Amino acid sequence: MNEIEIQKQYIKKVRENNKNKKQKYIIVTMGCQLNENDSEKLCGMLDEMGYTKTEKQEEADLALFNTCCVRENAEDRLFGKLGELKKIKEQKGIIIAIGGCMMQEKHITKKIKESYPFVDIIFGTHTLHKFPEDLYKILEEKRKLEDVIDIDGKIYEGLPIKRDSKIKASVTIMNGCNNFCSYCIVPYVRGRERSRQPRAIIEEVKELAKQGYKEVTLLGQNVNSYLRVEKEKKIEFEEYEGVNSFATLLKAINKIEGIERIRFVSPHPKDFTDDVIEAIRDCNKVCKLVHLPLQAGNTKVLKEMNRKYTKEQYLALVEKMKNKIPNVTFSTDIIVGFPGETQEEFEDTLDVVNKVKFEQVYMFIYSRRIGTPGDKMENQIPEEEKHKRFDKLKALVESQIGETSKKYIGTMQKVLVEGESKNNKNLLTGRTDSNKVVIFEGDKKLIGKMVELKIISEHMWYLKGEI
């Protein structure tokens, strides 16, 4: 019996245990879209085990945290939540489970065991698929359980999944990372790069199309090196529908009927090959918004970060894409205050932002991560200085977004309608190809459909449109 069949047996056992008990769970997801995708799998398993989801922790019989360790504030948030749950644990014996990237860090699991001994289950990124077995053991044997492995986990297919949206879905195409950027903990907690088999990805997207999903986002730490490790190390993979690289994967998914939009995150500038640029250009469903993480605009800082490209190479790549892909737009990630970054070197980041004119910039203040080379570097930037630079970057980005948003006024934009606006139930909301939020008046029957809207005004973080 394979691993997933074994877990299905445990799902059955827990469901039997929960019969007529009306058990509820709450899940808190921290971090990136890969974590969100993992949480959808955990929700799928819990649903099949007879649990229903609640948003109120006082109602929950099980509290589940899917953690991130990219920034320090995620740790503070987790420990704060555990403090809140202590009382509920004492009153009604709630089961507390913590999984995800943070649990791959030994100093964190040690702290949890010492300071929060009431936590029942600790599981890592490589043992997520075993959650039904771990939960069954807690219910039956009433003992604490730690299920974390350091080796690179296998990719298991066939886990149940419960998605939040009925319109947009994320599909993981690979796990792990081989880049070892000096600020990043991800390769240490998610392991080395491993790609999913082409057939598994294509079949998952075809199934989503059958279920009525209109948009898919392909996920990986470094999507444009999909299948690269397998080729380099001569690890066997089955070519399916011509898929043997990221470019051919985009082309194959572009052919799937029913899917109307394809996005992907995150690529790495050093691996952005011409065939991928051409696939973005030629595939009508692939969005022309390219997320291209910059991290820093200075060549010396990029070298210290182990990013393997220069400021000039990054700008040349942007220029190449602008020349080859009509209407291409860009979003990016930027880290402010990396160790040793001088004021002049930070100005190079502002220079790149000025030149590229990104549609969206995800800005982060550098956060030390134990176990990374960046943490051991001397000349750490004082917090006050980091915040000053962050504010300067934020002001520049916001002034640019104000400017770039104006160019949409008067244009016709295809918008995938996602639902009612959060702030006004009488308005609908959706996104353009370039991921701009648009609100407009329209019939609720349009939810889940692609509509043509005329943009009539811009309001910094969203556009207003009309049919």
Protein backbone atom coordinates (compact mmCIF):
# COMPACT_ATOMS: atom_id res chain seq x y z
CA MET A 1 0.00 0.00 0.00
CA ASN A 2 1.45 3.40 -0.95
CA GLU A 3 1.80 6.32 1.49
CA ILE A 4 -1.35 8.15 0.33
CA GLU A 5 -3.46 4.96 0.60
CA ILE A 6 -2.17 4.53 4.17
CA GLN A 7 -3.23 8.12 4.99
CA LYS A 8 -6.66 7.49 3.45
CA GLN A 9 -7.08 4.65 5.96
CA TYR A 10 -6.27 7.08 8.81
CA ILE A 11 -8.72 9.63 7.35
CA LYS A 12 -11.39 6.90 7.56
CA LYS A 13 -10.46 6.07 11.18
CA VAL A 14 -10.62 9.72 12.29
CA ARG A 15 -13.96 10.17 10.48
CA GLU A 16 -15.32 7.16 12.41
CA ASN A 17 -14.00 8.68 15.64
CA ASN A 18 -15.74 12.00 14.83
CA LYS A 19 -19.11 10.46 13.92
CA ASN A 20 -21.98 12.58 15.32
CA LYS A 21 -19.53 14.81 17.23
CA LYS A 22 -19.79 17.93 15.01
CA GLN A 23 -16.06 18.67 15.32
CA LYS A 24 -14.79 22.07 14.12
CA TYR A 25 -11.36 23.33 13.14
CA ILE A 26 -9.73 26.72 12.67
CA ILE A 27 -6.70 27.16 10.41
CA VAL A 28 -4.25 30.07 10.40
CA THR A 29 -2.00 30.35 7.35
CA MET A 30 1.12 32.49 7.37
CA GLY A 31 3.44 33.22 4.47
CA CYS A 32 3.48 32.70 0.74
CA GLN A 33 1.11 31.20 -1.83
CA LEU A 34 2.87 27.84 -1.47
CA ASN A 35 1.81 27.83 2.18
CA GLU A 36 -1.73 28.76 1.17
CA ASN A 37 -1.73 25.82 -1.26
CA ASP A 38 -0.48 23.50 1.53
CA SER A 39 -3.29 24.80 3.77
CA GLU A 40 -5.85 23.93 1.09
CA LYS A 41 -4.55 20.33 1.25
CA LEU A 42 -4.79 20.31 5.06
CA CYS A 43 -8.38 21.64 4.81
CA GLY A 44 -9.17 18.92 2.25
CA MET A 45 -7.92 16.23 4.64
CA LEU A 46 -9.79 17.72 7.62
CA ASP A 47 -13.03 17.92 5.64
CA GLU A 48 -12.74 14.24 4.78
CA MET A 49 -12.05 13.47 8.46
CA GLY A 50 -15.44 14.95 9.39
CA TYR A 51 -14.36 18.40 10.59
CA THR A 52 -16.05 21.64 9.53
CA LYS A 53 -14.24 24.95 9.33
CA THR A 54 -14.88 27.85 11.70
CA GLU A 55 -13.39 31.33 11.96
CA LYS A 56 -13.91 31.50 15.75
CA GLN A 57 -11.18 29.90 17.83
CA GLU A 58 -13.43 29.51 20.89
CA GLU A 59 -15.69 27.19 18.79
CA ALA A 60 -12.81 25.06 17.51
CA ASP A 61 -11.96 21.52 18.63
CA LEU A 62 -8.75 21.68 16.59
CA ALA A 63 -6.51 24.70 15.96
CA LEU A 64 -4.04 24.33 13.10
CA PHE A 65 -1.20 26.73 12.25
CA ASN A 66 0.62 26.55 8.92
CA THR A 67 3.70 28.65 9.58
CA CYS A 68 6.22 30.73 7.64
CA CYS A 69 9.76 31.58 8.72
CA VAL A 70 10.74 34.18 6.12
CA ARG A 71 10.21 37.09 8.54
CA GLU A 72 10.40 37.50 12.29
CA ASN A 73 6.88 38.92 12.71
CA ALA A 74 5.44 35.49 11.77
CA GLU A 75 7.11 34.02 14.88
CA ASP A 76 5.73 36.80 17.09
CA ARG A 77 2.26 36.21 15.64
CA LEU A 78 2.42 32.45 16.26
CA PHE A 79 3.58 32.79 19.87
CA GLY A 80 0.87 35.41 20.50
CA LYS A 81 -1.80 33.04 19.14
CA LEU A 82 -0.51 30.14 21.24
CA GLY A 83 -0.78 32.35 24.33
CA GLU A 84 -4.45 33.02 23.48
CA LEU A 85 -5.17 29.31 23.00
CA LYS A 86 -3.76 28.24 26.38
CA LYS A 87 -7.02 29.17 28.17
CA ILE A 88 -9.17 27.39 25.56
CA LYS A 89 -6.92 24.34 25.94
CA GLU A 90 -7.49 24.35 29.71
CA GLN A 91 -11.27 24.82 29.34
CA LYS A 92 -12.14 22.37 26.56
CA GLY A 93 -9.01 20.42 25.61
CA ILE A 94 -8.64 21.84 22.08
CA ILE A 95 -6.06 19.96 19.95
CA ILE A 96 -3.28 22.31 18.80
CA ALA A 97 -1.22 21.40 15.71
CA ILE A 98 1.59 23.45 14.17
CA GLY A 99 3.07 22.72 10.76
CA GLY A 100 4.93 24.46 7.95
CA CYS A 101 8.34 26.00 7.41
CA MET A 102 8.92 27.32 10.94
CA MET A 103 8.73 23.77 12.31
CA GLN A 104 11.82 22.82 10.27
CA GLU A 105 13.85 25.21 12.47
CA LYS A 106 15.24 23.35 15.49
CA HIS A 107 15.46 26.44 17.74
CA ILE A 108 11.73 27.13 17.16
CA THR A 109 10.55 23.57 17.91
CA LYS A 110 12.76 23.62 21.05
CA LYS A 111 11.11 26.89 22.18
CA ILE A 112 7.61 25.48 21.58
CA LYS A 113 8.34 22.33 23.58
CA GLU A 114 9.81 24.36 26.44
CA SER A 115 7.47 27.38 26.54
CA TYR A 116 4.25 25.94 25.06
CA PRO A 117 4.20 22.29 26.23
CA PHE A 118 0.43 22.12 25.63
CA VAL A 119 0.97 21.96 21.82
CA ASP A 120 -0.09 18.48 20.63
CA ILE A 121 1.36 18.05 17.12
CA ILE A 122 4.44 19.54 15.46
CA PHE A 123 4.91 18.57 11.79
CA GLY A 124 7.21 19.84 9.06
CA THR A 125 7.03 20.68 5.37
CA HIS A 126 8.06 17.15 4.34
CA THR A 127 5.47 15.35 6.51
CA LEU A 128 2.32 17.38 5.75
CA HIS A 129 0.79 14.37 3.93
CA LYS A 130 0.95 12.38 7.21
CA PHE A 131 -1.32 14.76 9.12
CA PRO A 132 -4.26 12.23 9.28
CA GLU A 133 -1.96 9.63 10.90
CA ASP A 134 -0.53 12.19 13.36
CA LEU A 135 -4.03 13.38 14.32
CA TYR A 136 -5.31 9.81 14.78
CA LYS A 137 -2.42 9.03 17.15
CA ILE A 138 -3.24 12.11 19.24
CA LEU A 139 -6.94 11.19 19.43
CA GLU A 140 -6.25 7.54 20.29
CA GLU A 141 -3.05 7.65 22.34
CA LYS A 142 -3.42 11.14 23.89
CA ARG A 143 0.31 11.83 23.64
CA LYS A 144 2.36 14.70 22.19
CA LEU A 145 3.76 14.08 18.73
CA GLU A 146 6.62 15.54 16.68
CA ASP A 147 6.82 14.52 13.03
CA VAL A 148 9.60 16.52 11.36
CA ILE A 149 12.23 15.14 8.99
CA ASP A 150 15.33 16.99 7.74
CA ILE A 151 15.78 15.10 4.48
CA ASP A 152 14.10 16.32 1.28
CA GLY A 153 10.57 14.96 1.25
CA LYS A 154 9.03 13.23 -1.74
CA ILE A 155 6.23 14.84 -3.74
CA TYR A 156 3.03 12.93 -2.97
CA GLU A 157 0.13 13.07 -5.42
CA GLY A 158 -3.51 12.46 -4.62
CA LEU A 159 -4.03 14.45 -1.42
CA PRO A 160 -7.57 15.84 -1.06
CA ILE A 161 -7.76 19.61 -1.48
CA LYS A 162 -10.35 22.19 -0.46
CA ARG A 163 -9.89 25.51 -2.24
CA ASP A 164 -11.16 28.83 -0.94
CA SER A 165 -12.16 30.11 -4.38
CA LYS A 166 -14.30 28.53 -7.10
CA ILE A 167 -12.81 30.81 -9.76
CA LYS A 168 -9.04 30.96 -9.17
CA ALA A 169 -6.75 28.12 -8.10
CA SER A 170 -3.07 27.72 -7.37
CA VAL A 171 -1.18 24.66 -8.60
CA THR A 172 2.22 23.76 -7.17
CA ILE A 173 4.59 22.64 -9.94
CA MET A 174 7.73 22.14 -7.83
CA ASN A 175 8.96 22.16 -4.23
CA GLY A 176 12.17 23.36 -2.65
CA CYS A 177 14.94 25.65 -3.84
CA ASN A 178 18.60 25.33 -4.85
CA ASN A 179 19.51 29.02 -4.91
CA PHE A 180 20.66 29.67 -1.33
CA CYS A 181 20.23 33.45 -1.39
CA SER A 182 22.12 34.58 1.71
CA TYR A 183 19.07 36.23 3.36
CA CYS A 184 16.70 33.30 2.80
CA ILE A 185 15.85 30.33 5.01
CA VAL A 186 13.64 28.57 2.41
CA PRO A 187 16.19 26.03 1.00
CA TYR A 188 16.89 24.89 4.58
CA VAL A 189 13.22 24.36 5.45
CA ARG A 190 11.69 23.25 2.13
CA GLY A 191 14.71 21.30 0.89
CA ARG A 192 16.18 20.93 -2.59
CA GLU A 193 14.31 21.51 -5.84
CA ARG A 194 11.97 18.71 -6.84
CA SER A 195 9.58 19.02 -9.79
CA ARG A 196 6.17 17.40 -10.08
CA GLN A 197 5.61 15.08 -13.03
CA PRO A 198 4.14 16.90 -16.08
CA ARG A 199 1.18 14.49 -16.26
CA ALA A 200 0.16 15.23 -12.62
CA ILE A 201 0.18 18.99 -13.24
CA ILE A 202 -1.70 18.85 -16.58
CA GLU A 203 -4.34 16.50 -15.16
CA GLU A 204 -4.83 18.72 -12.11
CA VAL A 205 -5.37 21.79 -14.33
CA LYS A 206 -7.76 19.85 -16.62
CA GLU A 207 -9.77 18.80 -13.55
CA LEU A 208 -9.89 22.44 -12.37
CA ALA A 209 -11.17 23.50 -15.81
CA LYS A 210 -13.90 20.82 -15.57
CA GLN A 211 -14.92 22.23 -12.17
CA GLY A 212 -15.33 25.70 -13.70
CA TYR A 213 -12.09 27.38 -12.59
CA LYS A 214 -11.02 30.19 -14.90
CA GLU A 215 -7.56 31.16 -13.60
CA VAL A 216 -4.59 29.11 -12.42
CA THR A 217 -1.40 30.33 -10.75
CA LEU A 218 1.59 28.01 -11.10
CA LEU A 219 3.65 27.97 -7.91
CA GLY A 220 7.26 27.22 -7.07
CA GLN A 221 10.22 28.83 -5.34
CA ASN A 222 11.85 29.12 -8.79
CA VAL A 223 9.29 28.16 -11.44
CA ASN A 224 11.47 28.82 -14.47
CA SER A 225 13.88 26.07 -13.46
CA TYR A 226 11.04 23.50 -13.59
CA LEU A 227 12.52 20.04 -14.48
CA ARG A 228 16.07 21.49 -14.64
CA VAL A 229 17.39 19.41 -11.71
CA GLU A 230 15.79 16.28 -13.12
CA LYS A 231 17.60 16.82 -16.43
CA GLU A 232 20.94 17.71 -14.81
CA LYS A 233 20.91 14.74 -12.45
CA LYS A 234 19.34 12.39 -14.98
CA ILE A 235 16.38 11.76 -12.67
CA GLU A 236 13.67 10.11 -14.73
CA PHE A 237 10.51 12.03 -15.55
CA GLU A 238 7.75 11.17 -17.98
CA GLU A 239 7.35 13.70 -20.78
CA TYR A 240 3.63 14.32 -21.23
CA GLU A 241 1.92 16.42 -23.92
CA GLY A 242 5.37 17.68 -24.94
CA VAL A 243 6.20 19.06 -21.47
CA ASN A 244 9.93 18.93 -20.67
CA SER A 245 10.57 22.51 -19.42
CA PHE A 246 8.75 25.51 -17.95
CA ALA A 247 8.16 27.04 -21.40
CA THR A 248 6.55 23.84 -22.73
CA LEU A 249 4.46 23.56 -19.54
CA LEU A 250 3.04 27.06 -20.15
CA LYS A 251 2.21 26.09 -23.76
CA ALA A 252 0.49 22.86 -22.70
CA ILE A 253 -1.66 24.57 -20.05
CA ASN A 254 -2.48 27.35 -22.55
CA LYS A 255 -4.26 24.67 -24.66
CA ILE A 256 -6.57 23.51 -21.86
CA GLU A 257 -10.15 24.51 -22.64
CA GLY A 258 -11.99 26.42 -19.93
CA ILE A 259 -8.88 27.96 -18.36
CA GLU A 260 -8.80 31.62 -19.37
CA ARG A 261 -5.83 32.97 -17.40
CA ILE A 262 -2.44 31.63 -16.36
CA ARG A 263 -0.15 33.33 -13.85
CA PHE A 264 3.07 32.09 -12.23
CA VAL A 265 5.25 32.93 -9.21
CA SER A 266 8.12 33.18 -8.58
CA PRO A 267 10.67 33.09 -11.38
CA HIS A 268 14.36 33.94 -10.86
CA PRO A 269 15.94 36.56 -13.15
CA LYS A 270 19.06 34.41 -13.65
CA ASP A 271 16.97 31.56 -15.13
CA PHE A 272 14.70 33.63 -17.38
CA THR A 273 15.44 31.95 -20.72
CA ASP A 274 14.33 33.13 -24.17
CA ASP A 275 11.95 30.19 -24.63
CA VAL A 276 10.00 31.29 -21.51
CA ILE A 277 9.86 34.91 -22.76
CA GLU A 278 8.54 33.64 -26.11
CA ALA A 279 5.97 31.39 -24.38
CA ILE A 280 4.64 34.39 -22.42
CA ARG A 281 4.42 36.35 -25.67
CA ASP A 282 2.79 33.57 -27.71
CA CYS A 283 0.37 32.07 -25.16
CA ASN A 284 -2.80 34.16 -25.21
CA LYS A 285 -3.88 33.00 -21.74
CA VAL A 286 -0.58 33.72 -19.97
CA CYS A 287 -0.85 37.08 -18.21
CA LYS A 288 1.56 39.73 -19.43
CA LEU A 289 2.33 40.79 -15.84
CA VAL A 290 5.72 39.25 -15.02
CA HIS A 291 6.71 38.99 -11.36
CA LEU A 292 10.48 39.53 -11.50
CA PRO A 293 12.05 39.67 -8.01
CA LEU A 294 14.77 42.33 -7.86
CA GLN A 295 15.60 42.18 -4.10
CA ALA A 296 18.23 44.95 -4.48
CA GLY A 297 19.34 47.29 -7.25
CA ASN A 298 23.06 47.39 -6.50
CA THR A 299 25.44 44.83 -8.05
CA LYS A 300 27.66 44.53 -4.95
CA VAL A 301 24.65 43.97 -2.69
CA LEU A 302 23.22 41.43 -5.17
CA LYS A 303 26.53 39.54 -5.03
CA GLU A 304 26.42 39.54 -1.21
CA MET A 305 22.84 38.25 -1.47
CA ASN A 306 24.08 35.45 -3.82
CA ARG A 307 21.54 36.47 -6.46
CA LYS A 308 23.86 35.72 -9.44
CA TYR A 309 22.91 38.70 -11.65
CA THR A 310 23.97 42.35 -11.80
CA LYS A 311 21.92 45.54 -11.86
CA GLU A 312 22.75 45.89 -15.57
CA GLN A 313 21.71 42.29 -16.37
CA TYR A 314 18.38 42.80 -14.59
CA LEU A 315 17.65 46.01 -16.52
CA ALA A 316 18.71 44.35 -19.79
CA LEU A 317 16.30 41.47 -19.10
CA VAL A 318 13.45 43.94 -18.47
CA GLU A 319 14.32 45.72 -21.72
CA LYS A 320 14.41 42.44 -23.64
CA MET A 321 10.93 41.52 -22.34
CA LYS A 322 9.56 44.96 -23.15
CA ASN A 323 10.81 44.53 -26.73
CA LYS A 324 9.53 40.97 -27.16
CA ILE A 325 6.21 40.97 -25.22
CA PRO A 326 3.62 43.60 -26.21
CA ASN A 327 1.98 45.32 -23.17
CA VAL A 328 4.25 43.54 -20.67
CA THR A 329 4.12 44.89 -17.09
CA PHE A 330 6.21 44.00 -14.04
CA SER A 331 5.87 43.41 -10.33
CA THR A 332 8.77 42.73 -7.97
CA ASP A 333 10.08 41.99 -4.46
CA ILE A 334 12.57 44.32 -2.77
CA ILE A 335 14.47 43.90 0.51
CA VAL A 336 15.59 47.09 2.26
CA GLY A 337 18.53 47.22 4.68
CA PHE A 338 20.50 44.09 3.80
CA PRO A 339 23.73 43.91 5.89
CA GLY A 340 26.40 46.30 4.66
CA GLU A 341 24.12 48.14 2.18
CA THR A 342 25.25 51.78 2.08
CA GLN A 343 23.00 54.74 1.37
CA GLU A 344 24.56 55.04 -2.14
CA GLU A 345 23.90 51.35 -2.82
CA PHE A 346 20.29 51.76 -1.69
CA GLU A 347 19.97 54.65 -4.19
CA ASP A 348 20.69 52.06 -6.94
CA THR A 349 17.50 50.25 -5.89
CA LEU A 350 15.55 53.49 -6.25
CA ASP A 351 17.18 53.96 -9.67
CA VAL A 352 15.94 50.55 -10.87
CA VAL A 353 12.43 51.29 -9.55
CA ASN A 354 12.51 54.62 -11.41
CA LYS A 355 13.55 52.93 -14.65
CA VAL A 356 11.27 49.87 -14.65
CA LYS A 357 8.08 51.52 -13.27
CA PHE A 358 6.65 48.39 -11.61
CA GLU A 359 2.89 47.85 -11.37
CA GLN A 360 3.32 46.37 -7.88
CA VAL A 361 6.24 46.26 -5.45
CA TYR A 362 6.28 43.92 -2.45
CA MET A 363 8.63 45.68 -0.03
CA PHE A 364 10.29 44.07 2.97
CA ILE A 365 12.61 45.29 5.69
CA TYR A 366 15.53 42.83 5.97
CA SER A 367 14.85 40.34 8.76
CA ARG A 368 17.68 38.23 10.21
CA ARG A 369 17.05 34.49 9.92
CA ILE A 370 19.05 32.10 12.13
CA GLY A 371 20.94 29.59 9.96
CA THR A 372 21.42 31.88 6.94
CA PRO A 373 24.73 33.50 5.88
CA GLY A 374 23.07 36.94 6.17
CA ASP A 375 22.51 36.42 9.90
CA LYS A 376 26.27 35.93 10.47
CA MET A 377 27.26 39.04 8.51
CA GLU A 378 28.70 41.90 10.47
CA ASN A 379 27.66 45.50 9.66
CA GLN A 380 23.92 44.86 10.19
CA ILE A 381 21.95 48.03 9.38
CA PRO A 382 20.32 49.75 12.40
CA GLU A 383 16.53 49.32 12.52
CA GLU A 384 15.93 53.07 12.41
CA GLU A 385 17.95 53.38 9.18
CA LYS A 386 16.11 50.41 7.60
CA HIS A 387 12.77 52.09 8.35
CA LYS A 388 13.95 55.41 6.87
CA ARG A 389 14.95 53.70 3.63
CA PHE A 390 11.74 51.67 3.56
CA ASP A 391 9.69 54.88 3.84
CA LYS A 392 11.70 56.46 1.02
CA LEU A 393 11.12 53.45 -1.25
CA LYS A 394 7.42 53.33 -0.30
CA ALA A 395 6.97 57.02 -1.19
CA LEU A 396 8.61 56.47 -4.60
CA VAL A 397 6.55 53.33 -5.34
CA GLU A 398 3.28 55.00 -4.35
CA SER A 399 4.02 58.05 -6.53
CA GLN A 400 4.71 55.71 -9.47
CA ILE A 401 1.57 53.63 -8.90
CA GLY A 402 -0.43 56.86 -8.90
CA GLU A 403 1.14 57.72 -12.26
CA THR A 404 0.95 54.26 -13.89
CA SER A 405 -2.69 53.84 -12.81
CA LYS A 406 -3.67 56.97 -14.75
CA LYS A 407 -2.72 55.30 -18.04
CA TYR A 408 -5.63 52.85 -17.53
CA ILE A 409 -8.28 55.59 -17.58
CA GLY A 410 -10.29 55.43 -20.79
CA THR A 411 -8.92 52.00 -21.76
CA MET A 412 -10.90 48.77 -22.17
CA GLN A 413 -9.71 46.02 -19.83
CA LYS A 414 -10.60 42.34 -19.59
CA VAL A 415 -11.50 41.66 -15.97
CA LEU A 416 -12.11 38.28 -14.34
CA VAL A 417 -15.00 38.94 -11.92
CA GLU A 418 -14.17 37.42 -8.52
CA GLY A 419 -17.15 38.43 -6.39
CA GLU A 420 -18.66 41.26 -4.39
CA SER A 421 -16.41 44.12 -3.27
CA LYS A 422 -15.37 43.68 0.38
CA ASN A 423 -16.16 47.30 1.15
CA ASN A 424 -19.42 47.63 -0.77
CA LYS A 425 -21.71 44.65 -1.42
CA ASN A 426 -23.47 46.59 -4.22
CA LEU A 427 -20.30 46.59 -6.32
CA LEU A 428 -18.44 43.72 -7.99
CA THR A 429 -14.66 43.28 -7.99
CA GLY A 430 -12.17 41.60 -10.29
CA ARG A 431 -8.66 41.89 -11.67
CA THR A 432 -7.08 42.90 -14.94
CA ASP A 433 -4.37 40.91 -16.73
CA SER A 434 -1.86 43.16 -14.90
CA ASN A 435 -3.45 42.19 -11.54
CA LYS A 436 -5.03 45.61 -10.91
CA VAL A 437 -8.17 45.46 -8.76
CA VAL A 438 -11.23 46.92 -10.53
CA ILE A 439 -14.60 47.62 -8.88
CA PHE A 440 -17.76 48.21 -10.90
CA GLU A 441 -21.56 48.02 -10.87
CA GLY A 442 -22.94 44.83 -12.36
CA ASP A 443 -25.21 41.82 -12.05
CA LYS A 444 -24.05 39.10 -9.58
CA LYS A 445 -24.47 36.61 -12.47
CA LEU A 446 -21.19 38.00 -13.86
CA ILE A 447 -19.19 36.46 -10.96
CA GLY A 448 -16.77 33.92 -12.42
CA LYS A 449 -16.95 35.42 -15.91
CA MET A 450 -14.49 37.49 -17.92
CA VAL A 451 -15.96 40.91 -18.78
CA GLU A 452 -14.78 43.91 -20.80
CA LEU A 453 -14.79 47.06 -18.72
CA LYS A 454 -14.04 50.66 -19.52
CA ILE A 455 -11.84 52.17 -16.80
CA ILE A 456 -13.31 55.48 -15.68
CA SER A 457 -11.14 56.47 -12.68
CA GLU A 458 -8.15 55.42 -10.54
CA HIS A 459 -7.96 55.40 -6.76
CA MET A 460 -4.37 54.40 -5.90
CA TRP A 461 -4.99 50.76 -4.92
CA TYR A 462 -7.90 50.07 -7.25
CA LEU A 463 -9.51 51.22 -10.50
CA LYS A 464 -13.19 51.95 -11.12
CA GLY A 465 -14.76 50.55 -14.26
CA GLU A 466 -18.08 50.33 -16.05
CA ILE A 467 -19.59 47.80 -18.43
